[in-house]
């Protein structure tokens, strides 16, 4: 037997022993294999021998440029934290080293990230979630780079293959390809970001390392182009869309006015419309025999003062018959509820954030008697107190709207049925929806634990925040609650 054949046989035997040991020890594939990458991401190495006829072993295949890219990305992903920066520098130097290779590498990067994002969607991530996580952990330019990759991946789907909230996220992110061909993307990106190719390559590998380590999330809506997408929740009816338009217009005016009393009245009217819309949707579903089910959305909860902001979202959700679960490390909360209620929560929370931010700015800073700043503790206490009191007022408003709906429904049935049946019709419907939301929350978060820090360390901030919330009168313009 020739020397070369002996070396090949020894290599094959060694490989088989290693594979057998891996199976016995239950070793998992490298993390990159979760994203469906080929090459080393599939758990092998470049040039792996494959048995041909009669035990013939073909010569090793020369790795392609795409293979080299995946090998380089694998090294960056698998590097221990203490070596990650060094691996990123090495990888970036390789990517930026040859101007001639940039066009094919640009195309290869987008092809590889198509598979990466496809895998992220299957593990529960959505476009807005990814960009939010990237901006939280890295820099704004990494977020813009992620939007480009999402835009490139979204070209694979027809409009009918996208759930409507998914399509709305793409529009809000402005995730649309702005470059020419894929070969032109990296050079055009360097020009847009005003970075040299080495700095841009470093940014790219930092982003890929972060994306590869994102944990699996709860699947709230079907990924694009799946059989479940067609049966997912669809946009609101024309009547509901008009109602949401009125609510959105009221809240926009409340955010822009310079007069607190006007903002309070506008927000109160919007809250009343939200409660009425929710009740109408619940009754329509019950009478029409629709089997609506709770859905989920993720709402960003960002620094500064993320904890009191999470409390504000929680109380807004509870007042609108939803549940909110905060994922602090990921920068968002998951809100579970029925479609009409989810729309209300998202609109009202966003508006209240704008309004309370303006109230905080009007309050200015605070200092200790000795001269040190206590602005941060004051504002945190202000926001926590505001959220607590707003929650109380919203709950009162919801109860008031429900009582009015029950009374109106009962009055409309008197004389026909010999008694008021509004309570027997509406309240069981609302109770069933509440139970459905609770069950869906437990299904998605089976190990949910409850804890809340008061977030209050400044008494003046607490009293000022409660006073600001009390000024936000919730009710109708003609008959406001007090």
Protein backbone atom coordinates (compact mmCIF):
# COMPACT_ATOMS: atom_id res chain seq x y z
CA UNK A 1 0.00 0.00 0.00
CA UNK A 2 1.41 3.39 -0.97
CA UNK A 3 2.30 6.00 1.59
CA UNK A 4 -0.47 8.35 0.43
CA UNK A 5 -3.14 5.66 0.76
CA UNK A 6 -1.91 4.79 4.24
CA UNK A 7 -2.25 8.42 5.29
CA UNK A 8 -5.77 8.56 3.90
CA UNK A 9 -6.78 5.37 5.70
CA UNK A 10 -5.38 6.64 9.01
CA UNK A 11 -7.24 9.93 8.52
CA UNK A 12 -10.50 8.06 7.88
CA UNK A 13 -10.04 5.86 10.93
CA UNK A 14 -9.30 8.87 13.11
CA UNK A 15 -12.38 10.67 11.85
CA UNK A 16 -14.59 7.65 12.56
CA UNK A 17 -13.22 7.34 16.08
CA UNK A 18 -13.93 11.02 16.71
CA UNK A 19 -17.47 10.71 15.40
CA UNK A 20 -18.10 7.63 17.55
CA UNK A 21 -16.83 9.44 20.66
CA UNK A 22 -19.07 12.42 19.89
CA UNK A 23 -22.11 10.16 19.62
CA UNK A 24 -21.29 8.36 22.84
CA UNK A 25 -20.74 11.61 24.74
CA UNK A 26 -23.89 13.21 23.31
CA UNK A 27 -22.02 16.22 21.97
CA UNK A 28 -24.15 18.74 20.12
CA UNK A 29 -23.33 20.36 16.83
CA UNK A 30 -21.68 23.77 16.83
CA UNK A 31 -24.06 26.62 17.56
CA UNK A 32 -23.95 27.84 13.98
CA UNK A 33 -25.60 24.64 12.79
CA UNK A 34 -28.81 25.84 14.37
CA UNK A 35 -28.99 28.42 11.61
CA UNK A 36 -28.80 25.83 8.85
CA UNK A 37 -25.36 26.86 7.61
CA UNK A 38 -23.38 24.42 5.52
CA UNK A 39 -19.63 23.82 5.68
CA UNK A 40 -18.27 23.88 9.21
CA UNK A 41 -21.66 24.99 10.48
CA UNK A 42 -22.91 21.51 9.68
CA UNK A 43 -20.38 20.06 12.10
CA UNK A 44 -17.74 18.96 9.57
CA UNK A 45 -14.54 20.46 8.22
CA UNK A 46 -13.55 21.58 4.78
CA UNK A 47 -12.30 18.73 2.60
CA UNK A 48 -13.96 15.96 4.59
CA UNK A 49 -13.35 12.63 2.84
CA UNK A 50 -16.37 10.81 1.47
CA UNK A 51 -16.20 7.13 0.61
CA UNK A 52 -16.57 6.53 -3.09
CA UNK A 53 -16.97 3.18 -4.91
CA UNK A 54 -14.54 0.45 -3.77
CA UNK A 55 -13.49 2.63 -0.80
CA UNK A 56 -12.00 5.30 -3.07
CA UNK A 57 -11.41 8.58 -1.27
CA UNK A 58 -11.60 11.60 -3.60
CA UNK A 59 -9.11 14.42 -3.11
CA UNK A 60 -10.14 17.25 -0.80
CA UNK A 61 -12.32 19.92 -2.38
CA UNK A 62 -10.88 23.39 -2.48
CA UNK A 63 -13.13 25.57 -0.32
CA UNK A 64 -15.11 28.23 -2.14
CA UNK A 65 -15.26 31.86 -1.07
CA UNK A 66 -18.63 31.16 0.60
CA UNK A 67 -17.03 28.24 2.48
CA UNK A 68 -14.24 30.51 3.69
CA UNK A 69 -16.76 33.09 4.81
CA UNK A 70 -18.74 30.54 6.82
CA UNK A 71 -15.53 29.15 8.33
CA UNK A 72 -14.55 32.68 9.38
CA UNK A 73 -17.98 33.42 10.83
CA UNK A 74 -17.86 30.11 12.70
CA UNK A 75 -14.56 31.08 14.33
CA UNK A 76 -16.04 34.39 15.44
CA UNK A 77 -19.22 32.79 16.80
CA UNK A 78 -17.48 29.99 18.70
CA UNK A 79 -14.69 32.14 20.17
CA UNK A 80 -14.76 32.41 23.99
CA UNK A 81 -15.65 35.86 25.22
CA UNK A 82 -12.07 36.67 26.16
CA UNK A 83 -10.91 35.89 22.61
CA UNK A 84 -13.88 37.31 20.71
CA UNK A 85 -12.34 40.71 20.01
CA UNK A 86 -9.20 39.11 18.59
CA UNK A 87 -11.20 36.78 16.34
CA UNK A 88 -13.28 39.70 15.08
CA UNK A 89 -10.11 41.62 14.18
CA UNK A 90 -8.74 38.61 12.29
CA UNK A 91 -12.04 38.04 10.49
CA UNK A 92 -12.43 41.71 9.59
CA UNK A 93 -8.89 41.83 8.20
CA UNK A 94 -9.65 38.82 6.02
CA UNK A 95 -12.92 40.29 4.72
CA UNK A 96 -11.43 43.72 3.95
CA UNK A 97 -8.09 42.51 2.62
CA UNK A 98 -8.91 42.25 -1.09
CA UNK A 99 -10.92 44.78 -3.06
CA UNK A 100 -11.36 42.20 -5.83
CA UNK A 101 -13.22 39.83 -3.49
CA UNK A 102 -15.64 42.39 -2.08
CA UNK A 103 -18.42 42.02 -4.67
CA UNK A 104 -18.71 38.21 -4.38
CA UNK A 105 -18.29 38.43 -0.61
CA UNK A 106 -21.05 41.02 -0.44
CA UNK A 107 -23.38 38.60 -2.23
CA UNK A 108 -22.23 35.70 -0.06
CA UNK A 109 -22.86 37.61 3.17
CA UNK A 110 -26.46 38.34 2.20
CA UNK A 111 -27.03 34.74 1.11
CA UNK A 112 -25.69 33.49 4.44
CA UNK A 113 -27.74 35.93 6.52
CA UNK A 114 -30.87 34.92 4.61
CA UNK A 115 -30.52 31.51 6.27
CA UNK A 116 -29.62 33.04 9.61
CA UNK A 117 -32.72 35.22 9.75
CA UNK A 118 -34.92 32.41 8.47
CA UNK A 119 -33.78 30.39 11.48
CA UNK A 120 -34.38 33.31 13.86
CA UNK A 121 -37.95 33.67 12.61
CA UNK A 122 -38.56 29.98 13.27
CA UNK A 123 -37.38 30.43 16.87
CA UNK A 124 -39.87 33.21 17.62
CA UNK A 125 -37.99 36.37 16.67
CA UNK A 126 -39.62 39.12 14.61
CA UNK A 127 -37.96 41.98 12.71
CA UNK A 128 -38.60 44.65 15.35
CA UNK A 129 -37.34 42.32 18.11
CA UNK A 130 -34.03 41.74 16.34
CA UNK A 131 -33.37 45.42 15.66
CA UNK A 132 -34.33 46.32 19.24
CA UNK A 133 -31.94 43.73 20.69
CA UNK A 134 -29.12 44.84 18.39
CA UNK A 135 -29.53 48.50 19.29
CA UNK A 136 -29.63 47.61 22.97
CA UNK A 137 -26.39 45.61 22.92
CA UNK A 138 -24.40 47.31 20.15
CA UNK A 139 -24.59 50.65 18.34
CA UNK A 140 -26.99 52.45 16.03
CA UNK A 141 -24.98 51.52 12.94
CA UNK A 142 -25.28 47.83 13.85
CA UNK A 143 -29.03 48.34 13.96
CA UNK A 144 -29.01 49.89 10.48
CA UNK A 145 -26.93 46.98 9.23
CA UNK A 146 -29.45 44.52 10.71
CA UNK A 147 -32.29 46.37 8.97
CA UNK A 148 -30.46 45.96 5.64
CA UNK A 149 -30.09 42.23 6.20
CA UNK A 150 -33.77 41.91 7.15
CA UNK A 151 -34.75 43.85 4.04
CA UNK A 152 -32.67 41.55 1.85
CA UNK A 153 -34.18 38.43 3.45
CA UNK A 154 -37.72 39.78 3.11
CA UNK A 155 -37.37 39.75 -0.69
CA UNK A 156 -37.97 36.01 -0.53
CA UNK A 157 -41.60 36.45 0.50
CA UNK A 158 -44.66 37.52 -1.41
CA UNK A 159 -46.96 40.01 0.30
CA UNK A 160 -49.48 37.23 0.96
CA UNK A 161 -46.81 35.30 2.84
CA UNK A 162 -46.48 37.92 5.58
CA UNK A 163 -48.68 38.22 8.65
CA UNK A 164 -50.01 41.79 8.74
CA UNK A 165 -48.18 42.80 11.93
CA UNK A 166 -44.99 41.45 10.39
CA UNK A 167 -45.51 43.58 7.29
CA UNK A 168 -46.20 46.60 9.51
CA UNK A 169 -42.88 46.06 11.31
CA UNK A 170 -41.00 45.98 8.01
CA UNK A 171 -42.65 49.25 6.99
CA UNK A 172 -41.93 50.90 10.34
CA UNK A 173 -38.27 49.84 10.14
CA UNK A 174 -38.14 51.04 6.52
CA UNK A 175 -36.66 47.65 5.69
CA UNK A 176 -36.44 48.06 1.93
CA UNK A 177 -33.38 47.30 -0.24
CA UNK A 178 -31.82 50.64 -1.17
CA UNK A 179 -28.72 49.29 -2.91
CA UNK A 180 -28.42 48.06 -6.49
CA UNK A 181 -27.20 44.51 -6.94
CA UNK A 182 -26.12 42.45 -3.95
CA UNK A 183 -22.51 42.71 -5.15
CA UNK A 184 -22.73 46.47 -4.54
CA UNK A 185 -24.14 46.28 -1.03
CA UNK A 186 -20.95 46.26 1.10
CA UNK A 187 -19.20 49.06 -0.86
CA UNK A 188 -22.40 51.14 -0.82
CA UNK A 189 -22.83 50.43 2.90
CA UNK A 190 -19.30 51.63 3.65
CA UNK A 191 -20.06 54.87 1.81
CA UNK A 192 -23.37 55.36 3.60
CA UNK A 193 -21.90 54.76 7.05
CA UNK A 194 -18.71 56.71 6.23
CA UNK A 195 -16.55 53.77 7.35
CA UNK A 196 -13.48 52.21 5.83
CA UNK A 197 -13.84 48.56 4.81
CA UNK A 198 -11.97 47.26 7.87
CA UNK A 199 -14.27 49.11 10.30
CA UNK A 200 -17.32 48.00 8.35
CA UNK A 201 -16.16 44.37 8.41
CA UNK A 202 -15.64 44.58 12.19
CA UNK A 203 -19.18 45.91 12.57
CA UNK A 204 -20.50 43.05 10.45
CA UNK A 205 -18.81 40.30 12.48
CA UNK A 206 -19.83 41.90 15.79
CA UNK A 207 -23.42 41.81 14.57
CA UNK A 208 -23.22 38.20 13.37
CA UNK A 209 -21.78 37.07 16.69
CA UNK A 210 -24.61 38.73 18.59
CA UNK A 211 -27.31 37.33 16.30
CA UNK A 212 -25.93 33.82 16.59
CA UNK A 213 -26.26 33.87 20.38
CA UNK A 214 -29.81 35.22 20.60
CA UNK A 215 -31.97 32.83 22.66
CA UNK A 216 -35.13 31.23 21.35
CA UNK A 217 -38.31 33.19 22.05
CA UNK A 218 -41.97 32.35 22.32
CA UNK A 219 -43.54 32.07 18.86
CA UNK A 220 -46.25 34.74 18.78
CA UNK A 221 -47.07 34.66 15.08
CA UNK A 222 -46.24 32.26 12.26
CA UNK A 223 -42.99 32.91 10.36
CA UNK A 224 -43.32 34.19 6.78
CA UNK A 225 -44.40 31.81 4.01
CA UNK A 226 -45.68 29.08 6.32
CA UNK A 227 -49.03 27.34 6.10
CA UNK A 228 -50.11 29.00 9.34
CA UNK A 229 -49.51 32.51 7.98
CA UNK A 230 -52.71 32.47 5.96
CA UNK A 231 -54.81 31.69 9.05
CA UNK A 232 -53.10 34.23 11.31
CA UNK A 233 -54.88 37.31 12.61
CA UNK A 234 -55.76 39.72 9.83
CA UNK A 235 -56.07 43.52 9.83
CA UNK A 236 -59.03 45.14 11.50
CA UNK A 237 -62.34 45.59 9.70
CA UNK A 238 -63.01 48.96 8.01
CA UNK A 239 -65.18 50.03 10.96
CA UNK A 240 -62.49 49.06 13.47
CA UNK A 241 -59.84 50.75 11.37
CA UNK A 242 -61.84 53.98 11.41
CA UNK A 243 -62.21 53.75 15.17
CA UNK A 244 -58.48 53.21 15.60
CA UNK A 245 -57.87 56.16 13.33
CA UNK A 246 -59.99 58.38 15.58
CA UNK A 247 -58.16 57.13 18.67
CA UNK A 248 -54.78 57.66 17.05
CA UNK A 249 -55.73 61.20 16.03
CA UNK A 250 -56.87 62.07 19.55
CA UNK A 251 -53.66 60.78 21.09
CA UNK A 252 -51.52 62.60 18.52
CA UNK A 253 -53.24 65.87 19.43
CA UNK A 254 -52.77 65.10 23.13
CA UNK A 255 -49.05 64.63 22.59
CA UNK A 256 -48.62 67.85 20.63
CA UNK A 257 -50.66 70.31 22.66
CA UNK A 258 -48.93 72.70 25.06
CA UNK A 259 -51.95 72.82 27.39
CA UNK A 260 -52.12 70.01 30.00
CA UNK A 261 -55.89 70.30 30.41
CA UNK A 262 -56.44 69.77 26.68
CA UNK A 263 -54.08 66.78 26.65
CA UNK A 264 -55.96 65.25 29.59
CA UNK A 265 -59.34 65.65 27.86
CA UNK A 266 -58.06 64.20 24.59
CA UNK A 267 -56.47 61.21 26.33
CA UNK A 268 -59.67 60.65 28.32
CA UNK A 269 -61.76 60.60 25.17
CA UNK A 270 -59.34 58.18 23.52
CA UNK A 271 -59.52 55.83 26.51
CA UNK A 272 -63.31 55.87 26.41
CA UNK A 273 -63.31 54.98 22.72
CA UNK A 274 -60.84 52.17 23.37
CA UNK A 275 -63.03 50.61 26.05
CA UNK A 276 -66.16 50.91 23.91
CA UNK A 277 -64.38 49.43 20.90
CA UNK A 278 -63.12 46.48 22.95
CA UNK A 279 -66.59 45.71 24.27
CA UNK A 280 -68.14 45.99 20.81
CA UNK A 281 -65.58 43.60 19.35
CA UNK A 282 -66.19 41.09 22.14
CA UNK A 283 -69.95 41.14 21.60
CA UNK A 284 -69.67 40.92 17.82
CA UNK A 285 -67.41 37.89 18.11
CA UNK A 286 -69.78 36.18 20.57
CA UNK A 287 -72.93 36.87 18.56
CA UNK A 288 -71.32 35.92 15.27
CA UNK A 289 -69.98 32.66 16.62
CA UNK A 290 -66.38 33.67 15.88
CA UNK A 291 -63.81 31.71 17.80
CA UNK A 292 -61.34 34.51 18.38
CA UNK A 293 -58.23 33.57 20.30
CA UNK A 294 -55.74 35.74 22.19
CA UNK A 295 -52.60 36.83 20.34
CA UNK A 296 -49.35 38.40 21.46
CA UNK A 297 -47.21 41.39 20.58
CA UNK A 298 -43.87 42.66 21.85
CA UNK A 299 -43.53 46.26 22.95
CA UNK A 300 -40.17 47.93 23.45
CA UNK A 301 -39.28 48.95 27.02
CA UNK A 302 -36.07 50.91 26.81
CA UNK A 303 -33.71 52.81 29.06
CA UNK A 304 -33.60 55.14 30.83
CA UNK A 305 -36.00 54.22 33.64
CA UNK A 306 -36.98 50.93 32.05
CA UNK A 307 -38.48 49.46 35.23
CA UNK A 308 -41.13 52.16 35.79
CA UNK A 309 -41.84 52.11 32.05
CA UNK A 310 -42.47 48.37 32.32
CA UNK A 311 -44.85 49.06 35.22
CA UNK A 312 -46.67 51.64 33.09
CA UNK A 313 -47.10 49.12 30.28
CA UNK A 314 -48.28 46.48 32.76
CA UNK A 315 -51.03 48.68 34.19
CA UNK A 316 -52.16 49.85 30.74
CA UNK A 317 -52.34 46.21 29.65
CA UNK A 318 -54.27 45.13 32.75
CA UNK A 319 -56.81 47.93 32.33
CA UNK A 320 -57.41 46.77 28.77
CA UNK A 321 -57.86 43.10 29.69
CA UNK A 322 -54.36 42.02 28.64
CA UNK A 323 -51.30 40.59 30.37
CA UNK A 324 -47.79 42.00 30.09
CA UNK A 325 -44.61 40.00 30.75
CA UNK A 326 -41.36 42.02 30.84
CA UNK A 327 -38.12 40.52 29.45
CA UNK A 328 -35.63 42.98 30.90
CA UNK A 329 -32.50 41.60 29.27
CA UNK A 330 -34.05 41.74 25.80
CA UNK A 331 -35.54 45.22 26.08
CA UNK A 332 -39.21 44.39 25.52
CA UNK A 333 -42.39 43.14 27.15
CA UNK A 334 -44.75 40.56 25.67
CA UNK A 335 -48.40 41.61 25.83
CA UNK A 336 -51.07 38.89 25.52
CA UNK A 337 -54.65 39.75 24.66
CA UNK A 338 -57.29 39.96 21.96
CA UNK A 339 -56.54 41.96 18.83
CA UNK A 340 -58.63 45.04 19.62
CA UNK A 341 -57.19 45.22 23.14
CA UNK A 342 -53.62 44.82 21.91
CA UNK A 343 -54.08 47.75 19.55
CA UNK A 344 -55.41 49.84 22.43
CA UNK A 345 -52.51 48.94 24.72
CA UNK A 346 -49.89 49.77 22.10
CA UNK A 347 -51.45 53.11 21.20
CA UNK A 348 -52.12 54.26 24.74
CA UNK A 349 -48.75 53.17 26.16
CA UNK A 350 -46.87 54.98 23.41
CA UNK A 351 -48.90 58.14 23.93
CA UNK A 352 -48.57 58.09 27.72
CA UNK A 353 -44.80 57.74 27.38
CA UNK A 354 -44.68 60.88 25.26
CA UNK A 355 -46.89 62.78 27.68
CA UNK A 356 -45.09 61.71 30.86
CA UNK A 357 -41.73 62.52 29.27
CA UNK A 358 -42.98 66.05 28.63
CA UNK A 359 -44.19 66.25 32.24
CA UNK A 360 -40.77 65.15 33.50
CA UNK A 361 -39.01 67.75 31.39
CA UNK A 362 -41.31 70.41 32.80
CA UNK A 363 -40.37 69.32 36.33
CA UNK A 364 -36.66 69.86 35.67
CA UNK A 365 -33.88 68.41 37.81
CA UNK A 366 -33.51 68.02 41.55
CA UNK A 367 -30.58 68.31 43.97
CA UNK A 368 -29.82 67.19 47.51
CA UNK A 369 -29.38 69.77 50.23
CA UNK A 370 -25.64 69.19 50.00
CA UNK A 371 -25.61 69.95 46.28
CA UNK A 372 -25.49 66.44 44.80
CA UNK A 373 -27.92 65.55 42.03
CA UNK A 374 -30.96 63.41 42.81
CA UNK A 375 -32.58 63.90 39.42
CA UNK A 376 -32.42 60.23 38.51
CA UNK A 377 -34.08 59.00 41.73
CA UNK A 378 -36.68 61.78 41.47
CA UNK A 379 -37.60 60.84 37.89
CA UNK A 380 -37.69 57.11 38.61
CA UNK A 381 -40.04 57.69 41.56
CA UNK A 382 -42.10 60.13 39.48
CA UNK A 383 -42.58 57.57 36.70
CA UNK A 384 -43.43 54.75 39.13
CA UNK A 385 -46.00 56.86 40.93
CA UNK A 386 -47.44 58.09 37.64
CA UNK A 387 -47.78 54.52 36.38
CA UNK A 388 -49.46 53.34 39.58
CA UNK A 389 -52.02 56.12 39.60
CA UNK A 390 -52.67 55.92 35.85
CA UNK A 391 -53.37 52.20 36.33
CA UNK A 392 -55.97 53.00 38.97
CA UNK A 393 -57.65 55.60 36.76
CA UNK A 394 -57.63 53.38 33.67
CA UNK A 395 -59.17 50.52 35.63
CA UNK A 396 -61.89 52.85 36.87
CA UNK A 397 -62.54 54.04 33.30
CA UNK A 398 -62.79 50.49 32.00
CA UNK A 399 -65.20 49.52 34.76
CA UNK A 400 -67.29 52.62 34.04
CA UNK A 401 -67.48 51.83 30.30
CA UNK A 402 -68.40 48.22 31.07
CA UNK A 403 -71.20 49.29 33.46
CA UNK A 404 -72.58 51.63 30.81
CA UNK A 405 -72.50 48.89 28.18
CA UNK A 406 -74.26 46.44 30.49
CA UNK A 407 -76.93 49.01 31.33
CA UNK A 408 -77.46 49.94 27.69
CA UNK A 409 -77.73 46.33 26.63
CA UNK A 410 -80.13 45.55 29.44
CA UNK A 411 -82.34 48.53 28.60
CA UNK A 412 -82.54 47.46 24.97
CA UNK A 413 -83.89 44.03 25.98
CA UNK A 414 -86.49 45.16 28.56
CA UNK A 415 -90.03 44.61 27.22
CA UNK A 416 -88.86 42.01 24.74
CA UNK A 417 -87.67 39.46 27.24
CA UNK A 418 -89.39 40.68 30.36
CA UNK A 419 -86.15 41.64 32.11
CA UNK A 420 -82.69 43.11 31.82
CA UNK A 421 -80.36 40.50 30.35
CA UNK A 422 -77.38 42.74 29.59
CA UNK A 423 -75.36 41.45 32.52
CA UNK A 424 -76.08 37.85 31.59
CA UNK A 425 -74.88 38.47 28.02
CA UNK A 426 -71.89 40.81 28.24
CA UNK A 427 -70.22 39.91 31.51
CA UNK A 428 -69.90 36.17 30.78
CA UNK A 429 -68.39 37.08 27.38
CA UNK A 430 -65.81 39.33 29.02
CA UNK A 431 -65.11 36.74 31.72
CA UNK A 432 -64.51 34.06 29.07
CA UNK A 433 -62.08 36.35 27.24
CA UNK A 434 -60.25 37.10 30.48
CA UNK A 435 -59.89 33.39 31.15
CA UNK A 436 -58.62 32.80 27.62
CA UNK A 437 -55.94 35.47 28.08
CA UNK A 438 -54.82 33.92 31.37
CA UNK A 439 -54.60 30.45 29.83
CA UNK A 440 -52.66 31.72 26.81
CA UNK A 441 -50.21 33.54 29.08
CA UNK A 442 -49.63 30.38 31.10
CA UNK A 443 -49.14 28.39 27.90
CA UNK A 444 -46.54 30.79 26.52
CA UNK A 445 -44.83 31.42 29.87
CA UNK A 446 -45.27 28.19 31.84
CA UNK A 447 -42.60 29.13 34.39
CA UNK A 448 -43.59 32.74 34.87
CA UNK A 449 -42.59 34.25 38.21
CA UNK A 450 -43.84 37.48 39.73
CA UNK A 451 -41.76 40.20 41.31
CA UNK A 452 -41.88 43.95 41.35
CA UNK A 453 -39.54 46.39 43.00
CA UNK A 454 -41.21 49.58 44.16
CA UNK A 455 -38.72 51.74 42.25
CA UNK A 456 -39.44 54.55 44.72
CA UNK A 457 -36.59 56.29 46.53
CA UNK A 458 -37.70 59.91 46.27
CA UNK A 459 -40.84 61.03 48.09
CA UNK A 460 -41.16 64.29 46.14
CA UNK A 461 -40.94 62.34 42.89
CA UNK A 462 -43.67 59.98 44.08
CA UNK A 463 -46.09 62.74 45.10
CA UNK A 464 -45.38 64.77 41.96
CA UNK A 465 -45.96 61.74 39.73
CA UNK A 466 -49.23 60.90 41.47
CA UNK A 467 -50.40 64.49 41.08
CA UNK A 468 -49.57 64.39 37.36
CA UNK A 469 -51.54 61.17 36.98
CA UNK A 470 -54.49 62.65 38.88
CA UNK A 471 -54.54 65.54 36.43
CA UNK A 472 -55.03 63.02 33.59
CA UNK A 473 -58.84 62.92 33.97
CA UNK A 474 -60.21 59.78 32.36
CA UNK A 475 -63.73 59.86 31.02
CA UNK A 476 -65.82 61.58 28.38
CA UNK A 477 -65.72 65.27 27.56
CA UNK A 478 -69.35 65.63 28.59
CA UNK A 479 -69.25 63.52 31.75
CA UNK A 480 -65.73 63.11 33.06
CA UNK A 481 -64.88 60.76 35.88
CA UNK A 482 -63.56 62.36 39.04
